[in-house]
């Protein structure tokens, strides 16, 4: 009888954990610039990697946020300095290794270059603030919301708005 009770408790714990997972968003957490933390929903993240900056081939006559192109798994991606695209502090020009987020929305794909990738986080949907009124004006076109914890604000970015940015398509 003891074992049955123990198994029922485990099933209840599993159901509770499953409900929590169903009500949570899985996001990639990264630094946009030294002062700004970003989040990107995992459904838009194809791959995360570190590669030598020399593997990004410069392309002339493109906006300054376009670092060039890179090839990965028989695909070519535009490599974008995400901070510069968003109007924040650009990457250090002397950086030798790029932290890359390969992201995709429908038929559009980009390689977002950021200074640091922290990893995957799980956020409860009700923890995300969708009132972006108090967010920095420069970020508002790209924001879905933000998350505050322990004095830190992380901005949840809209992948589709980044990939469709008029700066990239002008």
N, C-alpha and C. Protein backbone atom coordinates (compact mmCIF):
# COMPACT_ATOMS: atom_id res chain seq x y z
N UNK A 1 0.81 -1.20 0.00
CA UNK A 1 0.00 0.00 0.00
C UNK A 1 0.85 1.26 0.00
N UNK A 2 1.97 1.21 0.67
CA UNK A 2 2.88 2.34 0.74
C UNK A 2 3.39 2.71 -0.66
N UNK A 3 3.73 1.70 -1.44
CA UNK A 3 4.27 1.95 -2.78
C UNK A 3 3.22 2.61 -3.68
N UNK A 4 1.99 2.19 -3.59
CA UNK A 4 0.94 2.79 -4.39
C UNK A 4 0.80 4.27 -4.05
N UNK A 5 0.80 4.59 -2.78
CA UNK A 5 0.69 5.97 -2.34
C UNK A 5 1.87 6.79 -2.86
N UNK A 6 3.06 6.21 -2.80
CA UNK A 6 4.25 6.90 -3.28
C UNK A 6 4.16 7.18 -4.78
N UNK A 7 3.68 6.21 -5.56
CA UNK A 7 3.53 6.40 -7.00
C UNK A 7 2.48 7.45 -7.33
N UNK A 8 1.41 7.49 -6.57
CA UNK A 8 0.37 8.51 -6.78
C UNK A 8 0.97 9.90 -6.54
N UNK A 9 1.78 10.04 -5.49
CA UNK A 9 2.43 11.32 -5.22
C UNK A 9 3.34 11.73 -6.38
N UNK A 10 4.08 10.78 -6.94
CA UNK A 10 4.96 11.07 -8.07
C UNK A 10 4.15 11.51 -9.29
N UNK A 11 3.03 10.85 -9.52
CA UNK A 11 2.17 11.23 -10.66
C UNK A 11 1.65 12.65 -10.45
N UNK A 12 1.23 12.98 -9.24
CA UNK A 12 0.75 14.32 -8.94
C UNK A 12 1.85 15.35 -9.17
N UNK A 13 3.08 15.05 -8.73
CA UNK A 13 4.20 15.96 -8.95
C UNK A 13 4.45 16.15 -10.43
N UNK A 14 4.37 15.07 -11.21
CA UNK A 14 4.56 15.14 -12.64
C UNK A 14 3.50 16.03 -13.29
N UNK A 15 2.23 15.85 -12.88
CA UNK A 15 1.14 16.65 -13.43
C UNK A 15 1.35 18.13 -13.11
N UNK A 16 1.78 18.44 -11.90
CA UNK A 16 2.04 19.83 -11.51
C UNK A 16 3.17 20.41 -12.34
N UNK A 17 4.26 19.65 -12.50
CA UNK A 17 5.39 20.10 -13.31
C UNK A 17 4.96 20.31 -14.75
N UNK A 18 4.13 19.40 -15.28
CA UNK A 18 3.67 19.52 -16.66
C UNK A 18 2.83 20.78 -16.84
N UNK A 19 1.94 21.07 -15.88
CA UNK A 19 1.11 22.29 -15.96
C UNK A 19 1.99 23.53 -15.94
N UNK A 20 3.03 23.53 -15.09
CA UNK A 20 3.94 24.67 -15.04
C UNK A 20 4.64 24.85 -16.37
N UNK A 21 5.09 23.74 -16.99
CA UNK A 21 5.75 23.80 -18.28
C UNK A 21 4.80 24.34 -19.35
N UNK A 22 3.56 23.90 -19.33
CA UNK A 22 2.60 24.32 -20.34
C UNK A 22 2.29 25.81 -20.23
N UNK A 23 2.43 26.39 -19.04
CA UNK A 23 2.15 27.80 -18.83
C UNK A 23 3.44 28.63 -18.86
N UNK A 24 4.52 28.07 -19.38
CA UNK A 24 5.77 28.81 -19.39
C UNK A 24 6.31 28.93 -20.80
N UNK A 25 7.14 29.94 -20.99
CA UNK A 25 7.81 30.18 -22.25
C UNK A 25 9.28 29.82 -22.09
N UNK A 26 9.83 29.12 -23.04
CA UNK A 26 11.26 28.82 -23.05
C UNK A 26 11.92 29.87 -23.92
N UNK A 27 12.90 30.55 -23.34
CA UNK A 27 13.57 31.64 -24.04
C UNK A 27 15.08 31.50 -23.96
N UNK A 28 15.76 32.03 -24.94
CA UNK A 28 17.20 32.13 -24.92
C UNK A 28 17.54 33.48 -24.28
N UNK A 29 18.42 33.46 -23.28
CA UNK A 29 18.82 34.68 -22.58
C UNK A 29 20.23 35.05 -23.02
N UNK A 30 20.43 36.32 -23.36
CA UNK A 30 21.73 36.78 -23.87
C UNK A 30 21.91 38.26 -23.59
N UNK A 31 23.15 38.72 -23.71
CA UNK A 31 23.44 40.15 -23.58
C UNK A 31 23.27 40.76 -24.97
N UNK A 32 22.53 41.85 -25.05
CA UNK A 32 22.44 42.60 -26.31
C UNK A 32 23.66 43.51 -26.40
N UNK A 33 23.93 44.20 -25.31
CA UNK A 33 25.15 44.99 -25.12
C UNK A 33 25.53 44.85 -23.65
N UNK A 34 26.61 45.48 -23.18
CA UNK A 34 27.02 45.25 -21.79
C UNK A 34 25.97 45.62 -20.73
N UNK A 35 25.03 46.50 -21.04
CA UNK A 35 24.03 46.92 -20.07
C UNK A 35 22.64 46.36 -20.30
N UNK A 36 22.41 45.65 -21.39
CA UNK A 36 21.06 45.25 -21.78
C UNK A 36 20.97 43.74 -21.98
N UNK A 37 19.98 43.13 -21.31
CA UNK A 37 19.75 41.69 -21.43
C UNK A 37 18.56 41.47 -22.36
N UNK A 38 18.70 40.51 -23.25
CA UNK A 38 17.63 40.18 -24.19
C UNK A 38 17.14 38.76 -24.01
N UNK A 39 15.92 38.54 -24.43
CA UNK A 39 15.30 37.21 -24.45
C UNK A 39 14.71 37.00 -25.84
N UNK A 40 14.85 35.79 -26.33
CA UNK A 40 14.27 35.43 -27.62
C UNK A 40 13.57 34.10 -27.44
N UNK A 41 12.30 34.02 -27.84
CA UNK A 41 11.56 32.78 -27.69
C UNK A 41 12.25 31.65 -28.45
N UNK A 42 12.34 30.50 -27.82
CA UNK A 42 13.11 29.38 -28.39
C UNK A 42 12.56 28.90 -29.73
N UNK A 43 11.30 29.11 -29.99
CA UNK A 43 10.74 28.65 -31.26
C UNK A 43 11.37 29.36 -32.46
N UNK A 44 11.99 30.52 -32.23
CA UNK A 44 12.62 31.27 -33.31
C UNK A 44 14.13 31.04 -33.36
N UNK A 45 14.67 30.27 -32.42
CA UNK A 45 16.10 30.02 -32.36
C UNK A 45 16.41 28.67 -32.98
N UNK A 46 17.17 28.68 -34.05
CA UNK A 46 17.56 27.45 -34.72
C UNK A 46 18.78 26.82 -34.08
N UNK A 47 19.77 27.67 -33.79
CA UNK A 47 21.04 27.17 -33.29
C UNK A 47 21.78 28.31 -32.62
N UNK A 48 22.63 27.96 -31.67
CA UNK A 48 23.50 28.91 -30.99
C UNK A 48 24.92 28.38 -31.14
N UNK A 49 25.84 29.26 -31.52
CA UNK A 49 27.21 28.80 -31.71
C UNK A 49 28.21 29.92 -31.48
N UNK A 50 29.46 29.54 -31.33
CA UNK A 50 30.56 30.48 -31.25
C UNK A 50 31.44 30.22 -32.45
N UNK A 51 31.80 31.29 -33.17
CA UNK A 51 32.68 31.10 -34.32
C UNK A 51 33.66 32.25 -34.43
N UNK A 52 34.74 32.01 -35.16
CA UNK A 52 35.76 33.02 -35.37
C UNK A 52 35.18 34.17 -36.19
N UNK A 53 35.51 35.38 -35.79
CA UNK A 53 35.02 36.55 -36.51
C UNK A 53 35.50 36.54 -37.96
N UNK A 54 36.64 35.93 -38.21
CA UNK A 54 37.19 35.89 -39.57
C UNK A 54 36.33 35.04 -40.51
N UNK A 55 35.42 34.22 -39.98
CA UNK A 55 34.54 33.41 -40.82
C UNK A 55 33.34 34.20 -41.35
N UNK A 56 33.17 35.42 -40.88
CA UNK A 56 32.12 36.30 -41.40
C UNK A 56 32.74 37.15 -42.51
N UNK A 57 32.24 36.98 -43.71
CA UNK A 57 32.78 37.67 -44.88
C UNK A 57 32.09 39.02 -45.05
N UNK A 58 32.85 40.12 -45.01
CA UNK A 58 32.25 41.45 -45.17
C UNK A 58 31.57 41.60 -46.54
N UNK A 59 30.52 42.40 -46.57
CA UNK A 59 29.80 42.68 -47.80
C UNK A 59 29.68 44.20 -47.91
N UNK A 60 30.17 44.78 -49.01
CA UNK A 60 30.12 46.24 -49.15
C UNK A 60 28.71 46.76 -49.38
N UNK A 61 28.54 48.05 -49.13
CA UNK A 61 27.31 48.78 -49.41
C UNK A 61 26.10 48.26 -48.64
N UNK A 62 26.31 47.84 -47.41
CA UNK A 62 25.22 47.40 -46.54
C UNK A 62 25.20 48.30 -45.31
N UNK A 63 24.08 48.34 -44.58
CA UNK A 63 24.04 49.14 -43.35
C UNK A 63 25.15 48.70 -42.39
N UNK A 64 25.61 49.60 -41.55
CA UNK A 64 26.75 49.31 -40.67
C UNK A 64 26.47 48.18 -39.68
N UNK A 65 25.21 47.89 -39.39
CA UNK A 65 24.90 46.79 -38.49
C UNK A 65 25.08 45.42 -39.15
N UNK A 66 25.20 45.39 -40.47
CA UNK A 66 25.43 44.14 -41.19
C UNK A 66 26.94 43.89 -41.21
N UNK A 67 27.38 42.88 -40.46
CA UNK A 67 28.79 42.57 -40.37
C UNK A 67 29.28 41.79 -41.59
N UNK A 68 28.37 41.12 -42.29
CA UNK A 68 28.73 40.35 -43.46
C UNK A 68 27.83 39.13 -43.58
N UNK A 69 28.36 38.09 -44.21
CA UNK A 69 27.63 36.83 -44.36
C UNK A 69 28.44 35.70 -43.76
N UNK A 70 27.72 34.67 -43.32
CA UNK A 70 28.38 33.47 -42.84
C UNK A 70 27.62 32.27 -43.36
N UNK A 71 28.33 31.18 -43.48
CA UNK A 71 27.75 29.95 -44.01
C UNK A 71 27.69 28.92 -42.89
N UNK A 72 26.55 28.27 -42.80
CA UNK A 72 26.36 27.23 -41.78
C UNK A 72 25.41 26.18 -42.34
N UNK A 73 25.85 24.94 -42.37
CA UNK A 73 25.03 23.81 -42.82
C UNK A 73 24.38 24.07 -44.19
N UNK A 74 25.20 24.46 -45.13
CA UNK A 74 24.79 24.71 -46.51
C UNK A 74 23.78 25.85 -46.66
N UNK A 75 23.75 26.74 -45.68
CA UNK A 75 22.89 27.93 -45.77
C UNK A 75 23.76 29.16 -45.54
N UNK A 76 23.37 30.26 -46.12
CA UNK A 76 24.08 31.52 -45.94
C UNK A 76 23.17 32.47 -45.14
N UNK A 77 23.76 33.11 -44.13
CA UNK A 77 23.03 34.02 -43.25
C UNK A 77 23.69 35.39 -43.28
N UNK A 78 22.87 36.43 -43.21
CA UNK A 78 23.39 37.76 -42.95
C UNK A 78 23.75 37.80 -41.47
N UNK A 79 24.97 38.22 -41.17
CA UNK A 79 25.44 38.35 -39.79
C UNK A 79 25.20 39.79 -39.34
N UNK A 80 24.40 39.95 -38.29
CA UNK A 80 23.94 41.27 -37.85
C UNK A 80 24.45 41.56 -36.43
N UNK A 81 25.01 42.75 -36.23
CA UNK A 81 25.33 43.22 -34.88
C UNK A 81 24.00 43.66 -34.28
N UNK A 82 23.41 42.81 -33.43
CA UNK A 82 22.07 43.07 -32.92
C UNK A 82 22.00 44.39 -32.16
N UNK A 83 22.99 44.67 -31.33
CA UNK A 83 22.97 45.91 -30.55
C UNK A 83 22.94 47.13 -31.47
N UNK A 84 23.75 47.13 -32.51
CA UNK A 84 23.79 48.26 -33.44
C UNK A 84 22.45 48.39 -34.17
N UNK A 85 21.87 47.27 -34.58
CA UNK A 85 20.57 47.29 -35.25
C UNK A 85 19.52 47.95 -34.35
N UNK A 86 19.57 47.63 -33.05
CA UNK A 86 18.59 48.16 -32.10
C UNK A 86 18.92 49.57 -31.63
N UNK A 87 20.06 50.12 -32.06
CA UNK A 87 20.44 51.47 -31.66
C UNK A 87 21.16 51.53 -30.32
N UNK A 88 21.74 50.42 -29.91
CA UNK A 88 22.47 50.36 -28.65
C UNK A 88 23.98 50.31 -28.93
N UNK A 89 24.77 50.12 -27.88
CA UNK A 89 26.23 50.10 -28.00
C UNK A 89 26.68 48.92 -28.87
N UNK A 90 27.35 49.20 -30.00
CA UNK A 90 27.74 48.12 -30.91
C UNK A 90 28.83 47.22 -30.31
N UNK A 91 29.05 46.09 -30.94
CA UNK A 91 30.09 45.15 -30.53
C UNK A 91 31.46 45.80 -30.60
N UNK A 92 32.37 45.33 -29.77
CA UNK A 92 33.76 45.74 -29.81
C UNK A 92 34.34 45.30 -31.16
N UNK A 93 35.00 46.22 -31.87
CA UNK A 93 35.55 45.91 -33.19
C UNK A 93 36.70 44.91 -33.15
N UNK A 94 37.34 44.75 -31.99
CA UNK A 94 38.50 43.85 -31.86
C UNK A 94 38.13 42.44 -31.41
N UNK A 95 36.86 42.15 -31.35
CA UNK A 95 36.41 40.83 -30.89
C UNK A 95 36.84 39.76 -31.91
N UNK A 96 37.33 38.64 -31.40
CA UNK A 96 37.83 37.58 -32.29
C UNK A 96 36.87 36.41 -32.41
N UNK A 97 36.02 36.23 -31.41
CA UNK A 97 35.02 35.16 -31.44
C UNK A 97 33.64 35.79 -31.34
N UNK A 98 32.76 35.36 -32.21
CA UNK A 98 31.38 35.84 -32.19
C UNK A 98 30.48 34.81 -31.51
N UNK A 99 29.58 35.31 -30.66
CA UNK A 99 28.48 34.50 -30.12
C UNK A 99 27.33 34.72 -31.09
N UNK A 100 26.83 33.65 -31.68
CA UNK A 100 25.87 33.74 -32.77
C UNK A 100 24.57 33.03 -32.41
N UNK A 101 23.46 33.71 -32.71
CA UNK A 101 22.13 33.11 -32.57
C UNK A 101 21.55 33.03 -33.97
N UNK A 102 21.41 31.82 -34.49
CA UNK A 102 20.77 31.65 -35.79
C UNK A 102 19.27 31.64 -35.53
N UNK A 103 18.59 32.60 -36.12
CA UNK A 103 17.16 32.75 -35.86
C UNK A 103 16.40 32.76 -37.18
N UNK A 104 15.17 32.30 -37.09
CA UNK A 104 14.36 32.18 -38.30
C UNK A 104 12.89 32.42 -37.99
N UNK A 105 12.24 33.15 -38.87
CA UNK A 105 10.79 33.35 -38.82
C UNK A 105 10.28 33.16 -40.24
N UNK A 106 9.45 32.15 -40.41
CA UNK A 106 8.94 31.76 -41.72
C UNK A 106 10.10 31.61 -42.69
N UNK A 107 10.14 32.40 -43.78
CA UNK A 107 11.20 32.23 -44.78
C UNK A 107 12.43 33.09 -44.50
N UNK A 108 12.39 33.94 -43.49
CA UNK A 108 13.51 34.83 -43.17
C UNK A 108 14.42 34.24 -42.11
N UNK A 109 15.73 34.40 -42.33
CA UNK A 109 16.71 33.91 -41.36
C UNK A 109 17.83 34.94 -41.21
N UNK A 110 18.39 35.03 -40.01
CA UNK A 110 19.51 35.92 -39.72
C UNK A 110 20.43 35.26 -38.71
N UNK A 111 21.68 35.70 -38.70
CA UNK A 111 22.63 35.33 -37.66
C UNK A 111 22.81 36.58 -36.79
N UNK A 112 22.28 36.54 -35.59
CA UNK A 112 22.38 37.67 -34.67
C UNK A 112 23.66 37.52 -33.86
N UNK A 113 24.53 38.51 -33.92
CA UNK A 113 25.80 38.47 -33.20
C UNK A 113 25.62 39.28 -31.92
N UNK A 114 25.91 38.65 -30.79
CA UNK A 114 25.75 39.28 -29.48
C UNK A 114 27.03 39.06 -28.66
N UNK A 115 27.25 39.87 -27.61
CA UNK A 115 28.48 39.71 -26.83
C UNK A 115 28.52 38.47 -25.94
N UNK A 116 27.35 38.01 -25.46
CA UNK A 116 27.35 36.86 -24.55
C UNK A 116 26.00 36.17 -24.58
N UNK A 117 26.03 34.84 -24.56
CA UNK A 117 24.81 34.04 -24.47
C UNK A 117 24.82 33.36 -23.11
N UNK A 118 23.76 33.55 -22.34
CA UNK A 118 23.68 33.01 -20.99
C UNK A 118 23.06 31.61 -20.95
N UNK A 119 22.16 31.31 -21.87
CA UNK A 119 21.53 30.00 -21.88
C UNK A 119 20.03 30.10 -21.98
N UNK A 120 19.38 28.99 -21.70
CA UNK A 120 17.92 28.88 -21.81
C UNK A 120 17.29 29.13 -20.45
N UNK A 121 16.20 29.90 -20.44
CA UNK A 121 15.44 30.15 -19.22
C UNK A 121 13.98 29.81 -19.47
N UNK A 122 13.29 29.44 -18.41
CA UNK A 122 11.85 29.17 -18.48
C UNK A 122 11.15 30.26 -17.70
N UNK A 123 10.24 30.97 -18.34
CA UNK A 123 9.49 32.04 -17.71
C UNK A 123 8.01 31.70 -17.71
N UNK A 124 7.37 31.91 -16.58
CA UNK A 124 5.92 31.77 -16.55
C UNK A 124 5.33 32.90 -17.39
N UNK A 125 4.32 32.59 -18.17
CA UNK A 125 3.70 33.60 -19.03
C UNK A 125 3.24 34.83 -18.25
N UNK A 126 2.80 34.61 -17.01
CA UNK A 126 2.31 35.75 -16.23
C UNK A 126 3.45 36.58 -15.63
N UNK A 127 4.70 36.16 -15.77
CA UNK A 127 5.83 36.94 -15.30
C UNK A 127 6.26 37.99 -16.32
N UNK A 128 5.83 37.83 -17.55
CA UNK A 128 6.23 38.74 -18.62
C UNK A 128 5.29 39.94 -18.63
N UNK A 129 5.87 41.12 -18.51
CA UNK A 129 5.11 42.37 -18.57
C UNK A 129 4.98 42.77 -20.04
N UNK A 130 3.75 42.99 -20.47
CA UNK A 130 3.52 43.35 -21.86
C UNK A 130 3.31 44.84 -22.05
N UNK A 131 3.27 45.60 -20.96
CA UNK A 131 3.14 47.05 -21.03
C UNK A 131 4.53 47.62 -21.25
N UNK A 132 4.86 47.95 -22.50
CA UNK A 132 6.20 48.42 -22.82
C UNK A 132 6.32 49.94 -22.76
N UNK A 133 5.34 50.60 -22.14
CA UNK A 133 5.33 52.05 -22.05
C UNK A 133 6.60 52.58 -21.39
N UNK A 134 7.10 51.89 -20.35
CA UNK A 134 8.27 52.36 -19.63
C UNK A 134 9.59 51.87 -20.22
N UNK A 135 9.54 51.08 -21.27
CA UNK A 135 10.76 50.56 -21.91
C UNK A 135 11.46 51.67 -22.69
N UNK A 136 12.76 51.52 -22.91
CA UNK A 136 13.47 52.52 -23.72
C UNK A 136 12.83 52.66 -25.10
N UNK A 137 12.62 53.89 -25.54
CA UNK A 137 11.93 54.16 -26.80
C UNK A 137 12.61 53.50 -27.99
N UNK A 138 13.91 53.43 -27.96
CA UNK A 138 14.66 52.86 -29.08
C UNK A 138 14.38 51.36 -29.27
N UNK A 139 13.98 50.68 -28.18
CA UNK A 139 13.71 49.24 -28.24
C UNK A 139 12.25 48.92 -28.56
N UNK A 140 11.35 49.86 -28.33
CA UNK A 140 9.91 49.58 -28.44
C UNK A 140 9.47 48.91 -29.74
N UNK A 141 10.01 49.28 -30.91
CA UNK A 141 9.55 48.60 -32.13
C UNK A 141 9.87 47.11 -32.16
N UNK A 142 10.80 46.69 -31.33
CA UNK A 142 11.26 45.30 -31.35
C UNK A 142 10.81 44.50 -30.13
N UNK A 143 10.05 45.11 -29.24
CA UNK A 143 9.70 44.46 -27.97
C UNK A 143 8.35 43.78 -27.97
N UNK A 144 8.34 42.64 -27.32
CA UNK A 144 7.09 41.93 -27.03
C UNK A 144 6.72 42.15 -25.57
N UNK A 145 7.72 42.39 -24.74
CA UNK A 145 7.51 42.61 -23.32
C UNK A 145 8.84 42.60 -22.60
N UNK A 146 8.77 42.53 -21.28
CA UNK A 146 10.00 42.46 -20.49
C UNK A 146 9.75 41.67 -19.23
N UNK A 147 10.83 41.30 -18.59
CA UNK A 147 10.80 40.46 -17.40
C UNK A 147 11.76 41.06 -16.39
N UNK A 148 11.30 41.25 -15.15
CA UNK A 148 12.15 41.79 -14.10
C UNK A 148 12.35 40.76 -13.00
N UNK A 149 13.61 40.60 -12.60
CA UNK A 149 13.92 39.70 -11.51
C UNK A 149 15.23 40.14 -10.87
N UNK A 150 15.22 40.24 -9.55
CA UNK A 150 16.42 40.58 -8.77
C UNK A 150 17.09 41.85 -9.29
N UNK A 151 16.30 42.86 -9.59
CA UNK A 151 16.83 44.14 -10.05
C UNK A 151 17.31 44.15 -11.49
N UNK A 152 17.16 43.06 -12.20
CA UNK A 152 17.59 42.96 -13.59
C UNK A 152 16.36 42.95 -14.50
N UNK A 153 16.44 43.71 -15.58
CA UNK A 153 15.38 43.71 -16.58
C UNK A 153 15.89 43.02 -17.83
N UNK A 154 15.12 42.06 -18.31
CA UNK A 154 15.44 41.37 -19.56
C UNK A 154 14.31 41.66 -20.55
N UNK A 155 14.67 42.08 -21.75
CA UNK A 155 13.69 42.47 -22.75
C UNK A 155 13.39 41.31 -23.70
N UNK A 156 12.11 40.95 -23.78
CA UNK A 156 11.66 39.90 -24.69
C UNK A 156 11.47 40.51 -26.07
N UNK A 157 12.30 40.09 -27.01
CA UNK A 157 12.29 40.67 -28.35
C UNK A 157 11.36 39.92 -29.29
N UNK A 158 10.79 40.64 -30.22
CA UNK A 158 9.96 40.04 -31.28
C UNK A 158 10.89 39.68 -32.44
N UNK A 159 11.13 38.41 -32.63
CA UNK A 159 12.03 37.96 -33.69
C UNK A 159 11.57 38.45 -35.06
N UNK A 160 10.27 38.41 -35.30
CA UNK A 160 9.76 38.82 -36.61
C UNK A 160 10.03 40.29 -36.89
N UNK A 161 9.99 41.14 -35.87
CA UNK A 161 10.26 42.57 -36.07
C UNK A 161 11.74 42.81 -36.36
N UNK A 162 12.61 42.02 -35.75
CA UNK A 162 14.04 42.14 -36.01
C UNK A 162 14.32 41.72 -37.46
N UNK A 163 13.81 40.57 -37.85
CA UNK A 163 14.08 40.06 -39.19
C UNK A 163 13.47 40.92 -40.29
N UNK A 164 12.41 41.63 -39.98
CA UNK A 164 11.75 42.48 -40.97
C UNK A 164 12.10 43.95 -40.80
N UNK A 165 13.12 44.26 -40.03
CA UNK A 165 13.52 45.64 -39.76
C UNK A 165 13.75 46.41 -41.07
N UNK A 166 13.24 47.62 -41.12
CA UNK A 166 13.43 48.45 -42.32
C UNK A 166 14.90 48.80 -42.53
N UNK A 167 15.69 48.79 -41.47
CA UNK A 167 17.13 49.06 -41.61
C UNK A 167 17.79 48.00 -42.47
N UNK A 168 17.36 46.78 -42.33
CA UNK A 168 17.94 45.67 -43.10
C UNK A 168 17.40 45.58 -44.53
N UNK A 169 16.23 46.11 -44.75
CA UNK A 169 15.56 45.95 -46.04
C UNK A 169 15.43 47.27 -46.80
N UNK A 170 16.36 48.18 -46.55
CA UNK A 170 16.29 49.47 -47.27
C UNK A 170 17.30 49.53 -48.39
